[in-house]
Amino acid sequence: MDVGQISLRGLIDKWLAPASGVRVTQFSRTGQSRGRFVRVETEHSAGTLAIYFFRHGDGSWCVFPPSDSRATLVGGRMI
């Protein structure tokens, strides 16, 4: 992970601060790409607030999933 990137904990603080009682409610891997994701929740005045964070190939965490690798043509065949 680059020095300029924010850790998962830093992103949670950024998106949910000043929330208290933030908890991880799910962590797993996505379908075929097997990318990692984490779901965190906190109680808010309007109810429960949940955000998914996705791990990208460069080691960073974001609130959007990484784009799937696209099919490419190599030597006359699709891979």
Protein backbone atom coordinates (compact mmCIF):
# COMPACT_ATOMS: atom_id res chain seq x y z
CA MET A 1 0.00 0.00 0.00
CA ASP A 2 1.34 3.45 -0.89
CA VAL A 3 2.18 5.85 1.92
CA GLY A 4 -0.52 8.26 0.69
CA GLN A 5 -3.33 5.70 0.95
CA ILE A 6 -5.68 5.60 3.91
CA SER A 7 -6.09 2.43 5.96
CA LEU A 8 -9.47 0.72 6.31
CA ARG A 9 -9.77 2.12 9.83
CA GLY A 10 -9.01 5.61 8.50
CA LEU A 11 -11.72 5.27 5.83
CA ILE A 12 -14.25 4.09 8.40
CA ASP A 13 -13.44 7.14 10.53
CA LYS A 14 -13.68 9.39 7.47
CA TRP A 15 -17.10 8.09 6.39
CA LEU A 16 -18.70 7.43 9.78
CA ALA A 17 -17.09 9.89 12.22
CA PRO A 18 -18.10 10.99 14.76
CA ALA A 19 -20.06 7.75 15.12
CA SER A 20 -19.65 5.53 18.13
CA GLY A 21 -20.37 1.84 18.20
CA VAL A 22 -19.10 1.11 14.70
CA ARG A 23 -18.90 -2.63 14.14
CA VAL A 24 -17.94 -5.02 11.36
CA THR A 25 -21.03 -7.06 10.49
CA GLN A 26 -19.73 -8.98 7.47
CA PHE A 27 -16.45 -9.73 5.76
CA SER A 28 -15.98 -12.09 2.87
CA ARG A 29 -14.98 -12.35 -0.78
CA THR A 30 -16.94 -11.32 -3.84
CA GLY A 31 -18.08 -13.73 -6.57
CA GLN A 32 -15.70 -14.81 -9.31
CA SER A 33 -13.07 -12.12 -8.74
CA ARG A 34 -12.74 -13.22 -5.10
CA GLY A 35 -12.04 -9.64 -4.03
CA ARG A 36 -12.36 -8.86 -0.35
CA PHE A 37 -15.07 -6.69 1.16
CA VAL A 38 -16.08 -5.54 4.63
CA ARG A 39 -19.50 -4.28 5.77
CA VAL A 40 -19.54 -1.92 8.76
CA GLU A 41 -22.57 -0.59 10.63
CA THR A 42 -23.36 2.09 13.14
CA GLU A 43 -26.53 3.45 14.67
CA HIS A 44 -27.65 6.82 13.37
CA SER A 45 -30.53 9.09 14.36
CA ALA A 46 -32.44 7.87 11.29
CA GLY A 47 -31.64 4.18 11.96
CA THR A 48 -28.81 1.82 11.10
CA LEU A 49 -26.19 3.08 8.64
CA ALA A 50 -24.14 0.45 6.77
CA ILE A 51 -21.28 0.94 4.32
CA TYR A 52 -19.38 -1.65 2.27
CA PHE A 53 -15.64 -1.20 1.74
CA PHE A 54 -13.88 -3.09 -1.07
CA ARG A 55 -10.20 -4.09 -1.27
CA HIS A 56 -8.55 -3.18 -4.58
CA GLY A 57 -5.64 -4.94 -6.28
CA ASP A 58 -3.15 -2.29 -5.16
CA GLY A 59 -4.05 -2.94 -1.50
CA SER A 60 -6.23 0.13 -1.06
CA TRP A 61 -9.77 0.14 0.38
CA CYS A 62 -12.59 2.05 -1.33
CA VAL A 63 -16.37 2.39 -1.08
CA PHE A 64 -16.71 1.22 -4.68
CA PRO A 65 -15.77 -2.26 -5.96
CA PRO A 66 -12.80 -2.70 -8.27
CA SER A 67 -13.60 -3.01 -11.96
CA ASP A 68 -13.46 -6.61 -13.13
CA SER A 69 -10.70 -7.51 -15.49
CA ARG A 70 -11.94 -7.39 -19.05
CA ALA A 71 -11.51 -10.07 -21.63
CA THR A 72 -8.55 -9.46 -23.90
CA LEU A 73 -7.53 -10.87 -27.26
CA VAL A 74 -4.15 -12.60 -27.12
CA GLY A 75 -2.78 -14.56 -30.05
CA GLY A 76 -6.19 -14.86 -31.68
CA ARG A 77 -8.05 -16.21 -28.64
CA MET A 78 -10.03 -14.57 -25.89
CA ILE A 79 -8.73 -14.88 -22.35
